[in-house]
Amino acid sequence: MAIILVTGATGFLGRHIYRALLAGEHDIRPTCGRLVNLLDQDEAERLLQKTKPDYLIANAWMAVPKIFWDDPSNVLWARATQYLIYRFYEMGGQYCVFVSSTAATEHLDTPYGHHKRQVEIFLDTYDGHAIFRAGYLRGNGEASKAAQDIVEMINQRDFAPRRGGKFNYDGFESIGNDQG
């Protein structure tokens, strides 16, 4: 049974990802900012040591509406996410799905878009990963659909690049890379 670590599991999209994973045959390890401060490398390290995940769904980020675009913490979240991904693979993790945003291509002029894109570029140095770019999610229905798509990527191990490395899930752009 695969162990899946989900960061940001109590956020708007994260809670839908967690619920969708419950229907599968996985050992799910959800976490949120109230349990672990991922901006602290020591806490992130302890989390990875404790959970020893096979899969990582890197979903945590500061996302307070209207504030997140220019929030100075975007650089901290990018660094923390890169560290978490780096240590995940160093510890033998198999596959990471980074929950990004269409802002990574459409709003590079904002700290949020710029730093999400920086994590995508960093992740591209690893084999066996996917980048899920969610657009603006309007309500629980769209968040639930996005979560189902992310979980389907895990369940099907459907990571092969298509159409030049990009494939779409009903309006949500995903970029896959499975070299390993």
Protein backbone atom coordinates (compact mmCIF):
# COMPACT_ATOMS: atom_id res chain seq x y z
CA MET A 1 0.00 0.00 0.00
CA ALA A 2 1.47 3.33 -1.07
CA ILE A 3 2.00 6.04 1.52
CA ILE A 4 0.87 9.44 0.25
CA LEU A 5 1.82 12.65 2.02
CA VAL A 6 -0.55 15.52 1.27
CA THR A 7 0.58 18.97 2.33
CA GLY A 8 -1.99 21.70 2.74
CA ALA A 9 -4.64 19.05 3.40
CA THR A 10 -7.06 21.41 5.15
CA GLY A 11 -6.97 24.17 2.55
CA PHE A 12 -9.61 24.78 -0.09
CA LEU A 13 -8.20 22.34 -2.65
CA GLY A 14 -6.29 20.18 -0.15
CA ARG A 15 -9.39 19.04 1.70
CA HIS A 16 -10.89 17.88 -1.60
CA ILE A 17 -7.67 16.02 -2.47
CA TYR A 18 -7.72 14.32 0.93
CA ARG A 19 -11.38 13.27 0.57
CA ALA A 20 -10.77 11.94 -2.94
CA LEU A 21 -7.79 9.89 -1.73
CA LEU A 22 -9.88 8.29 1.02
CA ALA A 23 -11.76 6.30 -1.65
CA GLY A 24 -8.55 4.59 -2.81
CA GLU A 25 -6.20 1.93 -1.54
CA HIS A 26 -3.63 4.25 -0.02
CA ASP A 27 -2.16 5.06 3.35
CA ILE A 28 -2.83 8.80 3.44
CA ARG A 29 -0.79 11.14 5.64
CA PRO A 30 -2.43 14.57 5.54
CA THR A 31 -0.77 17.56 7.10
CA CYS A 32 -1.51 21.24 7.49
CA GLY A 33 0.07 24.35 8.95
CA ARG A 34 -1.52 23.79 12.34
CA LEU A 35 0.40 20.48 12.61
CA VAL A 36 3.68 21.18 10.81
CA ASN A 37 5.35 24.43 9.83
CA LEU A 38 6.74 23.51 6.42
CA LEU A 39 8.62 26.81 6.32
CA ASP A 40 10.86 25.34 9.04
CA GLN A 41 13.29 22.87 7.42
CA ASP A 42 13.73 20.91 10.64
CA GLU A 43 9.97 20.36 10.93
CA ALA A 44 9.73 19.41 7.25
CA GLU A 45 12.58 16.94 7.73
CA ARG A 46 10.91 15.37 10.76
CA LEU A 47 7.66 15.05 8.82
CA LEU A 48 9.38 13.20 5.96
CA GLN A 49 11.32 10.98 8.38
CA LYS A 50 8.14 10.11 10.26
CA THR A 51 5.88 9.47 7.26
CA LYS A 52 8.40 8.02 4.73
CA PRO A 53 6.02 8.72 1.83
CA ASP A 54 6.10 6.97 -1.54
CA TYR A 55 4.15 9.84 -3.09
CA LEU A 56 4.06 13.53 -2.28
CA ILE A 57 1.22 15.86 -3.22
CA ALA A 58 2.84 19.24 -2.60
CA ASN A 59 -0.17 21.47 -2.19
CA ALA A 60 0.71 23.78 0.74
CA TRP A 61 1.19 27.49 -0.03
CA MET A 62 -0.04 30.78 1.36
CA ALA A 63 -3.31 31.39 -0.46
CA VAL A 64 -5.31 34.04 1.40
CA PRO A 65 -7.61 35.56 -1.24
CA LYS A 66 -6.41 38.86 -2.71
CA ILE A 67 -3.29 38.84 -0.50
CA PHE A 68 -1.40 35.89 -1.99
CA TRP A 69 -0.55 37.62 -5.29
CA ASP A 70 1.99 40.00 -3.74
CA ASP A 71 2.63 38.45 -0.34
CA PRO A 72 6.34 38.46 0.61
CA SER A 73 5.98 34.90 1.92
CA ASN A 74 5.78 33.56 -1.65
CA VAL A 75 9.57 33.34 -1.73
CA LEU A 76 9.54 31.43 1.56
CA TRP A 77 6.93 28.98 0.27
CA ALA A 78 8.94 28.41 -2.90
CA ARG A 79 12.09 27.64 -0.91
CA ALA A 80 10.22 25.41 1.54
CA THR A 81 8.50 23.50 -1.26
CA GLN A 82 11.78 23.01 -3.11
CA TYR A 83 13.41 21.73 0.07
CA LEU A 84 10.53 19.34 0.75
CA ILE A 85 10.67 17.99 -2.81
CA TYR A 86 14.47 17.67 -2.68
CA ARG A 87 14.41 15.73 0.60
CA PHE A 88 11.46 13.60 -0.57
CA TYR A 89 13.44 12.34 -3.56
CA GLU A 90 16.67 12.02 -1.54
CA MET A 91 14.81 9.72 0.86
CA GLY A 92 13.63 7.48 -1.98
CA GLY A 93 10.26 9.04 -2.76
CA GLN A 94 8.80 7.75 -6.02
CA TYR A 95 6.53 10.44 -7.37
CA CYS A 96 5.59 14.04 -6.64
CA VAL A 97 2.59 16.00 -7.83
CA PHE A 98 3.13 19.72 -7.37
CA VAL A 99 -0.12 21.65 -7.24
CA SER A 100 0.75 24.82 -9.08
CA SER A 101 -1.37 27.47 -10.71
CA THR A 102 -2.02 28.90 -14.14
CA ALA A 103 -0.43 32.00 -12.61
CA ALA A 104 2.90 30.24 -13.21
CA THR A 105 2.50 31.07 -16.89
CA GLU A 106 -0.13 33.82 -16.99
CA HIS A 107 0.95 36.06 -14.09
CA LEU A 108 4.73 35.82 -13.92
CA ASP A 109 4.80 39.52 -13.08
CA THR A 110 3.45 38.70 -9.59
CA PRO A 111 5.47 37.16 -6.77
CA TYR A 112 2.91 34.32 -6.59
CA GLY A 113 3.17 33.42 -10.27
CA HIS A 114 6.92 33.90 -10.38
CA HIS A 115 7.63 31.67 -7.38
CA LYS A 116 5.16 28.96 -8.42
CA ARG A 117 7.02 28.86 -11.76
CA GLN A 118 10.37 28.64 -9.99
CA VAL A 119 9.20 25.50 -8.16
CA GLU A 120 8.00 24.02 -11.48
CA ILE A 121 11.43 24.62 -13.02
CA PHE A 122 13.11 23.05 -9.98
CA LEU A 123 10.82 20.01 -10.12
CA ASP A 124 11.66 19.50 -13.78
CA THR A 125 15.13 18.39 -12.69
CA TYR A 126 13.59 15.20 -11.25
CA ASP A 127 12.20 12.17 -13.04
CA GLY A 128 8.77 10.93 -12.04
CA HIS A 129 6.67 13.98 -11.35
CA ALA A 130 3.64 15.92 -12.48
CA ILE A 131 2.73 19.57 -12.26
CA PHE A 132 -0.96 20.24 -11.89
CA ARG A 133 -1.84 23.83 -12.81
CA ALA A 134 -5.21 24.70 -11.40
CA GLY A 135 -6.95 27.75 -12.73
CA TYR A 136 -9.29 29.85 -10.62
CA LEU A 137 -11.53 27.30 -8.89
CA ARG A 138 -15.06 28.56 -8.55
CA GLY A 139 -16.62 26.71 -5.66
CA ASN A 140 -16.49 23.23 -4.23
CA GLY A 141 -17.60 21.54 -7.46
CA GLU A 142 -14.57 22.72 -9.44
CA ALA A 143 -12.22 22.05 -6.51
CA SER A 144 -13.63 18.54 -6.19
CA LYS A 145 -13.12 17.91 -9.91
CA ALA A 146 -9.54 19.17 -9.75
CA ALA A 147 -8.88 16.92 -6.74
CA GLN A 148 -10.31 13.91 -8.58
CA ASP A 149 -7.97 14.64 -11.49
CA ILE A 150 -4.95 14.80 -9.18
CA VAL A 151 -5.92 11.54 -7.49
CA GLU A 152 -6.50 9.89 -10.87
CA MET A 153 -2.92 10.79 -11.80
CA ILE A 154 -1.75 8.89 -8.70
CA ASN A 155 -4.14 5.95 -9.10
CA GLN A 156 -3.40 5.38 -12.77
CA ARG A 157 0.28 6.28 -12.55
CA ASP A 158 -0.58 8.28 -15.65
CA PHE A 159 2.48 10.48 -15.78
CA ALA A 160 3.68 10.11 -19.36
CA PRO A 161 3.95 13.39 -21.26
CA ARG A 162 1.41 13.89 -24.00
CA ARG A 163 1.11 16.49 -26.75
CA GLY A 164 4.53 17.92 -26.14
CA GLY A 165 4.46 17.22 -22.42
CA LYS A 166 1.15 18.89 -21.70
CA PHE A 167 -2.22 17.30 -21.26
CA ASN A 168 -5.49 18.76 -20.08
CA TYR A 169 -8.07 17.60 -17.58
CA ASP A 170 -11.27 19.45 -18.33
CA GLY A 171 -9.77 22.90 -18.29
CA PHE A 172 -7.08 22.24 -15.72
CA GLU A 173 -3.62 22.16 -17.26
CA SER A 174 -1.25 19.45 -16.14
CA ILE A 175 2.32 18.91 -17.18
CA GLY A 176 3.72 15.43 -16.78
CA ASN A 177 7.22 14.01 -16.74
CA ASP A 178 7.93 10.35 -16.13
CA GLN A 179 11.41 9.47 -17.26
CA GLY A 180 12.08 6.88 -14.55
